Amino acid sequence: MVTLDLRHVASPAVRDLLRLVNHPDFDRAQQQIERLGGCTDPIRLTGRTTTVDTTTDEVLRSYTTSEEPTGSLLTACGNRRSSRCPACSRLYAADTYHLIRAGLSGGKNVPDTVRTHPRVFVTLTPPSFGPVHNRPTTPGGDIRPCHCRKLHEPADALIGTPLNPATYDYAGAVLFNAHASALWARFTTYLRRELAARLGMTQKSAHAVLRISFAKVAEYQQRGLVHFHAVVRLDGPDGTSQPPPPYATIAVLTDAIRAAASRVRVTVESDAVGERELSWGEQLDVREITTFGADAEFTDQAVAAYVAKYATKSADASSTLDRALFCRPCQGRGATVLPHGTPLPCTACDGTGQARPLPRLGVARHVRQMIRTCWELGNLPEFAHLKLWKWAHMLGFRGHFSTKSRSYSTTLGALRDARRAWRTEQARAHAGLPEHDPDTTLVAGHWAYLGTGYSPGAALLPQVMARLQLGRSTVYDLLRTHQLASITLGRARRIPAHALADFIRTRLDQEAA
C-alpha cells in the first residue's frame, strides 16, 4: 500500500476518508457501512467465530475481525428512538407494524381468522394537573380561543405549557409519569374482573373460556405527560387459534374497559407532597377496529401504522432530552464511597450528580421544571425506589414504550431472527458457500465491545456518497468520463488522494455556487 502524503489536507476527517478509500480492501469497508443501512451510531466489536460440523468436527468457516480493514466489525445500534438513530428507528417501527398487524389480520404464525375476534383501540389519558395553553375546537371542528384568549398556531411553543406555572402541580405530573406503568397493570387486572362480572362468571371460569390479549404503546403529550394507545382483543382459551365464545362481544368488552379504567387508583404518600391519588383522566376513547373497506381511520392497517409510529418516539415529542442526565461515574449520587465507607465527592459533576447542570439545558422552561421536580423528588427517601433522578430526562416515566401480552402475536425477537437468517443465507449464496444443516452445525464465537460510532473518515463516507452521489455505478461513470482521475495497479483501479480531494472540492464549490 502506497503511503499517502496528506499534509496539505487540513480536515482530519477528510484525511481519514482519503486513507480509507485508498485502502487495498476498501470495498470490504464500504460493504460494512452499506450493510448498516444508514445507522448513525454503530457498535464496534472485535472477536472471532468458528462454524463447525458437529457430526464430522470439520471446521466449515472461520472469521476474525483482524481481517477487517479497520480491525473491527460494525453492527447497527438498534436504537428505537428516532432522535438518536433514524435508520434503526425506521426498522424498529417496521417490526412493530408487522407485530401489531399480525395480531389484527394474521400472518407471522398467527391465523387470519384472528380478524374475526372482537377488537378495540383504546386510548387512556392522564388527568389534569392545571390548565395549559391549547387549541380547543368547536363541535364543528373550528378552532376556539385558548383560556389565555389567544388563537394559538399549531406550532406555537406555548401549547402544553401551564397558564400559571406557579400553581401547576408539577409533583403530581411527575408522580403520574412514574406510576403510569403501575396504572396500566392495575387496569389490565380490573379489566379481567369487569369482563368476568359482565359475563356472570368467576375470573377462573372466564379464564377457562376466553383470554384478553393486548399490545400497547406510550406517547408523550405536549404537556410532558404520557398516555397509552392499546389494541385489546378477545381470544379463546388457546389464544389466536381459537375464537372467544359468542357472548363475548364488542359491546361487553367496551363496557368492561370503561368500568376498569374508572376503578384504577394508585395512592402515593409522602411528607413532602402529602397523599396523592393517581388515576386516569376523564378522556377515555374506545373504538372498534374494523376490517378492510370499512371505517378507514380504524382499520387493521391504519391502527398498526399508528401504533408503530409512536413506538419509535420518546420524550422528544415534548421537546425534552433523549439521553440520561445523571453523572455516570457516580451514578447520579454526587459522590463515590471509599472502601472504608467515607464518601468522596465526585469530581466529574462537582458533587451535583448531574452530567449537565439543569440551568444550562437547552429545553423550554416547563420541561426544565419537570426535570428539576424529578431530581428533587428522587432525592427523597420515600421516592428512592422510583429512581426519578435516573429517569429525569424522560420526565419521570420509567416504563417500556411498547409492550404486549404473550399471546397477542409474534415477537420482535422472532422477527429479528428471521431477518438475520435471511441475510445470512443471502450472504452465503452470494459468496458461493454450500448450505449447512442447522441441526448439525455449531457456531462458536467470542466478541468484545470496542466502542460506538464511526471513525472520522467512515463517518464522512456515507455523507459523501449521499450528497455527492458516489455510489458504485456513479463512480464508474465518473471514471469513464474522466471527471475523476484514477490509476490502475494490476487488476485494481485506485483513486489518488489528490484526485479525490480535487473532486470533493469541485463538487462543494458547485453546491456553494
Protein backbone atom coordinates (compact mmCIF):
# COMPACT_ATOMS: atom_id res chain seq x y z
CA MET A 1 0.00 0.00 0.00
CA VAL A 2 1.45 3.38 -1.05
CA THR A 3 2.00 5.86 1.78
CA LEU A 4 -0.13 8.95 1.22
CA ASP A 5 1.15 12.45 1.80
CA LEU A 6 -1.92 14.19 3.19
CA ARG A 7 -0.20 17.08 4.94
CA HIS A 8 -1.92 19.54 2.61
CA VAL A 9 -5.40 18.33 3.75
CA ALA A 10 -6.49 20.42 6.71
CA SER A 11 -9.50 18.38 7.85
CA PRO A 12 -8.66 15.26 9.95
CA ALA A 13 -11.91 13.64 8.81
CA VAL A 14 -11.07 14.16 5.13
CA ARG A 15 -7.55 12.80 5.72
CA ASP A 16 -9.01 9.70 7.36
CA LEU A 17 -11.51 9.35 4.49
CA LEU A 18 -8.75 9.55 1.88
CA ARG A 19 -6.75 6.87 3.69
CA LEU A 20 -9.84 4.70 3.85
CA VAL A 21 -10.78 4.94 0.16
CA ASN A 22 -7.19 4.18 -0.82
CA HIS A 23 -7.02 1.12 1.42
CA PRO A 24 -6.41 -2.09 -0.62
CA ASP A 25 -9.55 -3.63 0.91
CA PHE A 26 -11.73 -0.51 0.71
CA ASP A 27 -14.59 -2.47 -0.87
CA ARG A 28 -14.95 -4.51 2.32
CA ALA A 29 -15.01 -1.37 4.48
CA GLN A 30 -17.63 0.17 2.20
CA GLN A 31 -19.66 -3.03 2.32
CA GLN A 32 -19.71 -2.94 6.13
CA ILE A 33 -21.01 0.64 6.12
CA GLU A 34 -23.65 -0.09 3.47
CA ARG A 35 -24.94 -3.12 5.41
CA LEU A 36 -25.64 -0.89 8.41
CA GLY A 37 -28.47 0.67 6.44
CA GLY A 38 -27.63 4.22 7.47
CA CYS A 39 -27.14 3.62 11.22
CA THR A 40 -25.75 6.82 12.74
CA ASP A 41 -24.06 5.30 15.80
CA PRO A 42 -22.94 1.71 15.09
CA ILE A 43 -21.33 -0.58 17.64
CA ARG A 44 -17.74 -1.67 17.04
CA LEU A 45 -16.89 -5.24 18.01
CA THR A 46 -13.75 -7.33 17.99
CA GLY A 47 -13.66 -11.10 18.10
CA ARG A 48 -13.95 -14.25 16.08
CA THR A 49 -16.38 -17.04 15.17
CA THR A 50 -15.89 -20.62 14.06
CA THR A 51 -18.54 -22.75 12.34
CA VAL A 52 -18.10 -26.49 12.98
CA ASP A 53 -19.92 -29.54 11.62
CA THR A 54 -20.79 -31.44 14.81
CA THR A 55 -21.01 -34.79 13.01
CA THR A 56 -17.51 -34.67 11.48
CA ASP A 57 -15.83 -31.96 13.62
CA GLU A 58 -14.90 -30.26 10.36
CA VAL A 59 -14.34 -26.51 10.53
CA LEU A 60 -16.66 -25.15 7.87
CA ARG A 61 -15.86 -21.48 8.25
CA SER A 62 -13.82 -19.20 10.49
CA TYR A 63 -13.91 -15.44 10.81
CA THR A 64 -11.89 -12.91 12.76
CA THR A 65 -12.15 -9.14 12.87
CA SER A 66 -8.38 -8.86 12.47
CA GLU A 67 -9.01 -9.49 8.77
CA GLU A 68 -11.20 -6.38 8.50
CA PRO A 69 -9.69 -3.17 7.10
CA THR A 70 -10.42 -1.32 10.34
CA GLY A 71 -9.75 -4.27 12.65
CA SER A 72 -13.33 -4.31 13.92
CA LEU A 73 -16.83 -5.31 12.90
CA LEU A 74 -19.60 -2.73 12.71
CA THR A 75 -23.13 -3.66 13.74
CA ALA A 76 -26.21 -1.46 13.86
CA CYS A 77 -27.04 0.14 17.20
CA GLY A 78 -30.71 -0.94 17.04
CA ASN A 79 -31.88 2.16 18.94
CA ARG A 80 -35.62 2.64 18.60
CA ARG A 81 -35.55 6.42 19.21
CA SER A 82 -35.90 8.44 16.02
CA SER A 83 -33.96 11.29 17.62
CA ARG A 84 -30.95 9.01 18.19
CA CYS A 85 -30.84 6.90 15.02
CA PRO A 86 -33.41 7.47 12.26
CA ALA A 87 -32.38 4.36 10.31
CA CYS A 88 -32.65 1.88 13.20
CA SER A 89 -35.79 3.66 14.34
CA ARG A 90 -37.45 3.05 10.98
CA LEU A 91 -36.53 -0.64 11.19
CA TYR A 92 -37.98 -0.85 14.71
CA ALA A 93 -41.16 0.86 13.51
CA ALA A 94 -41.45 -1.62 10.64
CA ASP A 95 -41.07 -4.57 13.02
CA THR A 96 -43.65 -3.07 15.37
CA TYR A 97 -46.03 -2.55 12.46
CA HIS A 98 -45.80 -6.19 11.42
CA LEU A 99 -46.17 -7.32 15.04
CA ILE A 100 -49.35 -5.26 15.53
CA ARG A 101 -50.69 -6.10 12.07
CA ALA A 102 -50.19 -9.83 12.64
CA GLY A 103 -52.33 -9.63 15.76
CA LEU A 104 -55.10 -7.92 13.78
CA SER A 105 -55.05 -9.59 10.35
CA GLY A 106 -52.98 -12.74 10.81
CA GLY A 107 -49.61 -13.75 9.49
CA LYS A 108 -46.29 -14.47 11.22
CA ASN A 109 -47.68 -17.79 12.56
CA VAL A 110 -50.96 -16.11 13.52
CA PRO A 111 -54.07 -17.48 11.69
CA ASP A 112 -56.01 -14.98 9.59
CA THR A 113 -59.20 -15.93 11.47
CA VAL A 114 -57.97 -13.61 14.24
CA ARG A 115 -59.59 -10.70 12.37
CA THR A 116 -63.00 -12.07 13.34
CA HIS A 117 -62.25 -11.72 17.07
CA PRO A 118 -63.64 -8.70 18.98
CA ARG A 119 -61.01 -5.94 18.82
CA VAL A 120 -60.95 -2.34 20.06
CA PHE A 121 -58.47 0.54 20.01
CA VAL A 122 -58.20 2.16 23.46
CA THR A 123 -56.67 5.50 24.46
CA LEU A 124 -56.04 6.10 28.19
CA THR A 125 -55.10 9.68 29.07
CA PRO A 126 -53.65 11.38 32.17
CA PRO A 127 -55.71 13.70 34.35
CA SER A 128 -55.30 17.46 34.59
CA PHE A 129 -52.63 18.93 36.85
CA GLY A 130 -53.51 22.51 35.99
CA PRO A 131 -54.80 24.47 32.97
CA VAL A 132 -52.42 24.66 29.99
CA HIS A 133 -52.35 26.53 26.71
CA ASN A 134 -54.17 24.58 23.99
CA ARG A 135 -56.19 24.82 20.77
CA PRO A 136 -59.76 23.86 21.70
CA THR A 137 -62.25 23.17 18.92
CA THR A 138 -65.99 23.58 18.50
CA PRO A 139 -68.28 20.61 17.71
CA GLY A 140 -68.00 21.66 14.07
CA GLY A 141 -64.18 21.49 14.14
CA ASP A 142 -63.42 25.22 14.26
CA ILE A 143 -60.60 26.48 16.49
CA ARG A 144 -61.67 28.38 19.61
CA PRO A 145 -59.55 30.81 21.63
CA CYS A 146 -57.44 29.39 24.44
CA HIS A 147 -58.09 30.30 28.09
CA CYS A 148 -55.46 32.99 27.54
CA ARG A 149 -57.86 34.48 24.93
CA LYS A 150 -55.48 33.84 22.05
CA LEU A 151 -55.74 31.62 18.97
CA HIS A 152 -52.59 29.53 19.08
CA GLU A 153 -50.96 28.30 15.90
CA PRO A 154 -50.29 24.52 15.70
CA ALA A 155 -46.54 25.06 16.14
CA ASP A 156 -46.86 27.59 18.98
CA ALA A 157 -44.31 26.76 21.70
CA LEU A 158 -46.83 27.80 24.37
CA ILE A 159 -49.14 24.85 23.64
CA GLY A 160 -48.94 22.35 26.50
CA THR A 161 -47.31 24.78 28.94
CA PRO A 162 -49.14 25.89 32.11
CA LEU A 163 -51.21 29.06 32.12
CA ASN A 164 -49.88 29.70 35.61
CA PRO A 165 -46.63 27.81 36.32
CA ALA A 166 -46.73 28.90 39.98
CA THR A 167 -49.90 26.89 40.65
CA TYR A 168 -49.26 23.96 38.29
CA ASP A 169 -48.96 20.61 40.09
CA TYR A 170 -45.52 19.57 38.86
CA ALA A 171 -45.11 16.99 41.63
CA GLY A 172 -48.37 15.31 40.66
CA ALA A 173 -47.40 15.31 36.96
CA VAL A 174 -44.03 13.67 37.64
CA LEU A 175 -45.54 11.10 40.00
CA PHE A 176 -48.18 10.22 37.40
CA ASN A 177 -45.48 9.54 34.80
CA ALA A 178 -43.53 7.47 37.31
CA HIS A 179 -46.62 5.35 38.13
CA ALA A 180 -48.10 5.16 34.61
CA SER A 181 -46.96 1.55 34.19
CA ALA A 182 -48.49 0.61 37.55
CA LEU A 183 -51.76 2.23 36.46
CA TRP A 184 -51.73 0.15 33.28
CA ALA A 185 -51.02 -3.06 35.23
CA ARG A 186 -53.98 -2.40 37.52
CA PHE A 187 -56.13 -1.56 34.52
CA THR A 188 -55.48 -4.98 32.96
CA THR A 189 -56.27 -6.65 36.31
CA TYR A 190 -59.54 -4.79 36.70
CA LEU A 191 -60.41 -5.42 33.06
CA ARG A 192 -60.36 -9.18 33.61
CA ARG A 193 -62.53 -8.78 36.70
CA GLU A 194 -65.03 -6.48 34.99
CA LEU A 195 -65.26 -8.72 31.95
CA ALA A 196 -65.95 -11.79 34.12
CA ALA A 197 -68.59 -9.86 36.09
CA ARG A 198 -70.43 -8.81 32.92
CA LEU A 199 -70.45 -12.40 31.70
CA GLY A 200 -71.81 -13.63 35.04
CA MET A 201 -68.72 -15.74 35.74
CA THR A 202 -65.93 -16.01 38.22
CA GLN A 203 -62.50 -14.98 36.98
CA LYS A 204 -61.41 -18.62 36.95
CA SER A 205 -64.41 -19.64 34.85
CA ALA A 206 -63.92 -16.71 32.47
CA HIS A 207 -60.24 -17.58 32.03
CA ALA A 208 -61.25 -21.10 31.01
CA VAL A 209 -63.32 -19.86 28.05
CA LEU A 210 -61.60 -16.67 26.88
CA ARG A 211 -58.39 -14.70 27.05
CA ILE A 212 -57.62 -10.97 26.84
CA SER A 213 -54.70 -10.10 24.53
CA PHE A 214 -53.28 -6.64 24.06
CA ALA A 215 -50.46 -4.57 22.61
CA LYS A 216 -49.87 -1.02 23.82
CA VAL A 217 -47.56 1.92 23.15
CA ALA A 218 -46.85 5.04 25.21
CA GLU A 219 -46.99 8.53 23.71
CA TYR A 220 -45.97 11.86 25.21
CA GLN A 221 -48.36 14.76 25.13
CA GLN A 222 -47.08 18.28 24.59
CA ARG A 223 -47.54 18.97 28.30
CA GLY A 224 -44.98 16.23 29.06
CA LEU A 225 -47.37 13.54 30.31
CA VAL A 226 -47.65 10.04 28.87
CA HIS A 227 -50.83 8.39 27.67
CA PHE A 228 -51.33 4.91 26.26
CA HIS A 229 -52.74 3.64 22.97
CA ALA A 230 -53.64 -0.04 23.08
CA VAL A 231 -55.12 -2.75 20.89
CA VAL A 232 -57.28 -5.01 23.06
CA ARG A 233 -58.58 -8.30 21.63
CA LEU A 234 -60.66 -11.18 22.95
CA ASP A 235 -59.48 -14.72 22.13
CA GLY A 236 -60.44 -18.22 23.07
CA PRO A 237 -58.57 -20.00 25.87
CA ASP A 238 -55.88 -21.18 23.42
CA GLY A 239 -55.13 -17.69 22.12
CA THR A 240 -55.18 -16.58 18.49
CA SER A 241 -56.06 -20.01 17.12
CA GLN A 242 -59.45 -20.10 18.83
CA PRO A 243 -62.29 -17.51 18.83
CA PRO A 244 -63.92 -16.39 22.09
CA PRO A 245 -67.45 -17.54 22.95
CA PRO A 246 -70.19 -15.69 21.02
CA TYR A 247 -71.46 -13.88 24.11
CA ALA A 248 -68.08 -12.10 24.50
CA THR A 249 -68.96 -9.22 22.18
CA ILE A 250 -67.54 -5.81 21.33
CA ALA A 251 -70.20 -4.15 23.49
CA VAL A 252 -69.28 -6.26 26.53
CA LEU A 253 -65.57 -5.58 26.02
CA THR A 254 -66.14 -1.82 25.63
CA ASP A 255 -68.27 -1.63 28.76
CA ALA A 256 -65.68 -3.59 30.75
CA ILE A 257 -62.86 -1.30 29.58
CA ARG A 258 -64.72 1.84 30.67
CA ALA A 259 -65.56 0.35 34.05
CA ALA A 260 -62.00 -0.88 34.64
CA ALA A 261 -60.43 2.46 33.72
CA SER A 262 -62.68 4.30 36.19
CA ARG A 263 -61.68 1.96 39.04
CA VAL A 264 -57.91 2.30 38.75
CA ARG A 265 -56.30 4.13 41.67
CA VAL A 266 -52.69 4.31 42.93
CA THR A 267 -52.12 6.05 46.26
CA VAL A 268 -48.82 7.81 46.94
CA GLU A 269 -47.94 9.09 50.41
CA SER A 270 -45.13 11.48 51.27
CA ASP A 271 -44.42 14.05 53.96
CA ALA A 272 -43.14 16.40 51.25
CA VAL A 273 -46.08 16.26 48.82
CA GLY A 274 -48.81 14.78 51.02
CA GLU A 275 -51.12 11.98 49.97
CA ARG A 276 -51.84 11.71 46.24
CA GLU A 277 -54.38 9.51 44.50
CA LEU A 278 -53.33 8.89 40.90
CA SER A 279 -55.81 7.77 38.27
CA TRP A 280 -56.60 8.01 34.55
CA GLY A 281 -58.08 11.17 33.11
CA GLU A 282 -61.69 11.63 32.06
CA GLN A 283 -60.85 11.44 28.34
CA LEU A 284 -61.19 7.74 27.56
CA ASP A 285 -61.61 6.67 23.94
CA VAL A 286 -62.66 3.16 22.89
CA ARG A 287 -63.11 2.46 19.15
CA GLU A 288 -63.94 -0.77 17.37
CA ILE A 289 -61.24 -1.89 14.92
CA THR A 290 -62.91 -2.64 11.61
CA THR A 291 -61.93 -4.81 8.68
CA PHE A 292 -60.75 -3.61 5.29
CA GLY A 293 -63.14 -1.39 3.37
CA ALA A 294 -64.94 -0.05 6.45
CA ASP A 295 -64.01 2.99 8.56
CA ALA A 296 -60.63 3.98 7.12
CA GLU A 297 -59.45 5.57 10.37
CA PHE A 298 -59.64 2.37 12.42
CA THR A 299 -58.84 -0.44 10.01
CA ASP A 300 -56.22 -3.10 10.74
CA GLN A 301 -53.62 -1.33 8.64
CA ALA A 302 -54.35 2.18 9.96
CA VAL A 303 -54.18 1.11 13.60
CA ALA A 304 -50.96 -0.87 13.08
CA ALA A 305 -49.32 2.10 11.34
CA TYR A 306 -50.47 4.46 14.08
CA VAL A 307 -49.09 2.30 16.89
CA ALA A 308 -45.79 1.72 15.04
CA LYS A 309 -45.38 5.46 14.56
CA TYR A 310 -45.40 6.16 18.28
CA ALA A 311 -43.35 3.11 19.22
CA THR A 312 -40.22 4.92 17.97
CA LYS A 313 -40.88 8.26 19.63
CA SER A 314 -39.61 9.06 23.09
CA ALA A 315 -39.99 12.16 25.21
CA ASP A 316 -38.58 14.25 22.35
CA ALA A 317 -42.22 14.79 21.31
CA SER A 318 -42.49 17.10 24.32
CA SER A 319 -39.16 18.82 23.45
CA THR A 320 -37.15 17.22 26.23
CA LEU A 321 -33.94 15.16 26.04
CA ASP A 322 -33.20 11.67 24.76
CA ARG A 323 -30.19 10.95 26.98
CA ALA A 324 -29.91 10.40 30.71
CA LEU A 325 -28.87 13.40 32.80
CA PHE A 326 -27.23 11.64 35.72
CA CYS A 327 -23.45 11.54 36.08
CA ARG A 328 -22.15 8.15 35.02
CA PRO A 329 -19.03 7.97 37.26
CA CYS A 330 -21.06 8.46 40.47
CA GLN A 331 -24.38 7.09 39.10
CA GLY A 332 -26.12 10.35 39.99
CA ARG A 333 -25.26 10.17 43.69
CA GLY A 334 -22.81 13.06 43.64
CA ALA A 335 -20.18 11.03 45.46
CA THR A 336 -18.44 7.69 45.46
CA VAL A 337 -17.98 5.63 48.61
CA LEU A 338 -14.48 4.57 49.53
CA PRO A 339 -13.80 1.01 50.80
CA HIS A 340 -13.87 2.16 54.45
CA GLY A 341 -17.23 3.91 53.92
CA THR A 342 -16.13 7.52 53.54
CA PRO A 343 -17.98 9.38 50.75
CA LEU A 344 -15.78 11.12 48.23
CA PRO A 345 -17.36 13.99 46.21
CA CYS A 346 -17.46 13.22 42.50
CA THR A 347 -15.12 15.47 40.55
CA ALA A 348 -16.86 14.79 37.23
CA CYS A 349 -20.07 16.54 38.32
CA ASP A 350 -18.74 18.61 41.26
CA GLY A 351 -21.00 16.67 43.60
CA THR A 352 -24.27 17.54 41.85
CA GLY A 353 -24.87 14.09 40.36
CA GLN A 354 -25.81 15.74 37.07
CA ALA A 355 -23.91 15.22 33.83
CA ARG A 356 -25.07 18.68 32.75
CA PRO A 357 -26.27 21.47 35.06
CA LEU A 358 -30.05 21.82 34.81
CA PRO A 359 -29.99 25.61 34.19
CA ARG A 360 -27.88 25.03 31.07
CA LEU A 361 -30.21 22.54 29.41
CA GLY A 362 -31.50 23.71 26.04
CA VAL A 363 -35.15 22.98 26.82
CA ALA A 364 -38.27 25.03 27.49
CA ARG A 365 -38.94 26.33 31.00
CA HIS A 366 -41.86 23.93 31.54
CA VAL A 367 -39.74 20.90 30.63
CA ARG A 368 -36.84 22.13 32.77
CA GLN A 369 -39.17 22.46 35.75
CA MET A 370 -40.43 18.89 35.29
CA ILE A 371 -36.82 17.68 35.14
CA ARG A 372 -35.97 19.68 38.26
CA THR A 373 -39.01 18.21 40.04
CA CYS A 374 -37.84 14.70 39.10
CA TRP A 375 -34.46 15.44 40.61
CA GLU A 376 -35.90 16.92 43.81
CA LEU A 377 -38.40 14.10 44.38
CA GLY A 378 -35.78 11.50 43.52
CA ASN A 379 -33.67 12.67 46.46
CA LEU A 380 -36.49 12.00 48.96
CA PRO A 381 -36.18 8.65 50.80
CA GLU A 382 -39.84 7.72 50.19
CA PHE A 383 -39.33 8.02 46.40
CA ALA A 384 -35.86 6.46 46.21
CA HIS A 385 -37.30 3.25 44.71
CA LEU A 386 -38.64 5.24 41.73
CA LYS A 387 -35.11 6.37 40.75
CA LEU A 388 -36.50 9.61 39.36
CA TRP A 389 -33.03 11.09 39.01
CA LYS A 390 -32.25 8.31 36.54
CA TRP A 391 -35.41 8.97 34.51
CA ALA A 392 -35.43 12.76 34.77
CA HIS A 393 -34.77 13.09 31.03
CA MET A 394 -37.97 11.06 30.47
CA LEU A 395 -39.87 13.39 32.82
CA GLY A 396 -40.28 10.56 35.31
CA PHE A 397 -41.67 7.86 33.01
CA ARG A 398 -39.68 4.68 33.58
CA GLY A 399 -41.72 2.06 31.75
CA HIS A 400 -41.39 0.39 28.36
CA PHE A 401 -42.73 2.36 25.43
CA SER A 402 -44.23 -0.68 23.73
CA THR A 403 -45.39 -3.90 25.37
CA LYS A 404 -47.72 -6.76 24.52
CA SER A 405 -49.29 -9.78 26.13
CA ARG A 406 -47.70 -13.13 25.46
CA SER A 407 -50.45 -14.45 23.19
CA TYR A 408 -51.07 -11.31 21.14
CA SER A 409 -48.90 -12.23 18.12
CA THR A 410 -45.27 -12.84 17.22
CA THR A 411 -42.35 -11.16 18.99
CA LEU A 412 -39.77 -8.60 17.92
CA GLY A 413 -37.09 -11.21 18.63
CA ALA A 414 -38.67 -13.67 16.21
CA LEU A 415 -38.86 -11.01 13.50
CA ARG A 416 -35.20 -10.11 14.01
CA ASP A 417 -34.14 -13.77 13.97
CA ALA A 418 -35.96 -14.30 10.67
CA ARG A 419 -34.32 -11.23 9.16
CA ARG A 420 -30.89 -12.30 10.41
CA ALA A 421 -31.33 -15.80 8.98
CA TRP A 422 -32.40 -14.39 5.62
CA ARG A 423 -29.37 -12.11 5.47
CA THR A 424 -27.08 -14.98 6.39
CA GLU A 425 -28.49 -17.13 3.61
CA GLN A 426 -28.17 -14.27 1.12
CA ALA A 427 -24.55 -13.68 2.10
CA ARG A 428 -23.75 -17.41 1.88
CA ALA A 429 -25.37 -17.64 -1.55
CA HIS A 430 -23.55 -14.53 -2.75
CA ALA A 431 -20.22 -15.98 -1.59
CA GLY A 432 -20.98 -19.34 -3.21
CA LEU A 433 -20.84 -21.25 0.08
CA PRO A 434 -22.80 -24.51 0.43
CA GLU A 435 -25.85 -24.69 2.65
CA HIS A 436 -25.45 -26.29 6.06
CA ASP A 437 -27.93 -28.16 8.22
CA PRO A 438 -28.56 -26.01 11.32
CA ASP A 439 -29.18 -29.16 13.37
CA THR A 440 -25.63 -30.38 12.77
CA THR A 441 -23.87 -27.02 12.68
CA LEU A 442 -22.37 -25.26 15.71
CA VAL A 443 -21.24 -21.63 15.67
CA ALA A 444 -18.82 -20.76 18.48
CA GLY A 445 -17.55 -17.25 18.92
CA HIS A 446 -16.06 -14.69 21.26
CA TRP A 447 -16.88 -11.00 20.98
CA ALA A 448 -15.72 -7.95 22.87
CA TYR A 449 -17.14 -4.45 22.89
CA LEU A 450 -14.72 -1.93 21.43
CA GLY A 451 -16.77 1.27 21.24
CA THR A 452 -19.51 3.06 19.36
CA GLY A 453 -19.53 5.33 16.35
CA TYR A 454 -17.63 5.53 13.09
CA SER A 455 -14.06 6.58 12.60
CA PRO A 456 -13.84 10.19 11.30
CA GLY A 457 -13.39 9.05 7.71
CA ALA A 458 -16.01 6.30 7.88
CA ALA A 459 -18.48 8.80 9.32
CA LEU A 460 -17.83 11.11 6.39
CA LEU A 461 -18.10 8.39 3.73
CA PRO A 462 -21.93 7.97 3.83
CA GLN A 463 -22.31 11.75 3.60
CA VAL A 464 -20.01 11.87 0.59
CA MET A 465 -21.88 9.01 -1.08
CA ALA A 466 -25.25 10.59 -0.33
CA ARG A 467 -24.52 14.24 -1.08
CA LEU A 468 -22.05 13.74 -3.92
CA GLN A 469 -23.76 10.59 -5.24
CA LEU A 470 -20.64 8.47 -5.02
CA GLY A 471 -22.36 5.12 -5.39
CA ARG A 472 -20.52 2.31 -7.15
CA SER A 473 -22.20 2.84 -10.52
CA THR A 474 -21.78 6.62 -10.25
CA VAL A 475 -18.07 6.25 -9.53
CA TYR A 476 -17.65 4.09 -12.62
CA ASP A 477 -19.41 6.73 -14.70
CA LEU A 478 -17.17 9.46 -13.29
CA LEU A 479 -14.07 7.39 -14.05
CA ARG A 480 -15.24 6.63 -17.59
CA THR A 481 -15.90 10.31 -18.33
CA HIS A 482 -12.58 11.37 -16.73
CA GLN A 483 -14.31 13.57 -14.15
CA LEU A 484 -12.48 11.54 -11.52
CA ALA A 485 -8.85 10.60 -12.13
CA SER A 486 -7.60 7.11 -11.34
CA ILE A 487 -4.65 4.79 -11.79
CA THR A 488 -4.53 1.02 -12.46
CA LEU A 489 -2.42 -1.25 -10.25
CA GLY A 490 -2.58 -4.79 -11.58
CA ARG A 491 -6.28 -5.70 -11.76
CA ALA A 492 -7.31 -2.99 -9.29
CA ARG A 493 -8.18 0.62 -10.04
CA ARG A 494 -7.26 3.19 -7.40
CA ILE A 495 -8.14 6.85 -6.99
CA PRO A 496 -5.19 9.01 -5.89
CA ALA A 497 -5.71 11.13 -2.80
CA HIS A 498 -5.23 14.42 -4.61
CA ALA A 499 -7.75 13.40 -7.31
CA LEU A 500 -10.45 12.62 -4.77
CA ALA A 501 -9.69 15.80 -2.81
CA ASP A 502 -9.94 17.85 -6.01
CA PHE A 503 -13.22 16.17 -6.93
CA ILE A 504 -14.73 16.82 -3.48
CA ARG A 505 -13.56 20.44 -3.55
CA THR A 506 -15.04 20.98 -7.01
CA ARG A 507 -18.41 19.49 -6.07
CA LEU A 508 -18.54 21.50 -2.86
CA ASP A 509 -17.76 24.67 -4.79
CA GLN A 510 -20.56 23.81 -7.22
CA GLU A 511 -23.00 23.31 -4.33
CA ALA A 512 -21.98 26.59 -2.76
CA ALA A 513 -22.45 28.39 -6.06
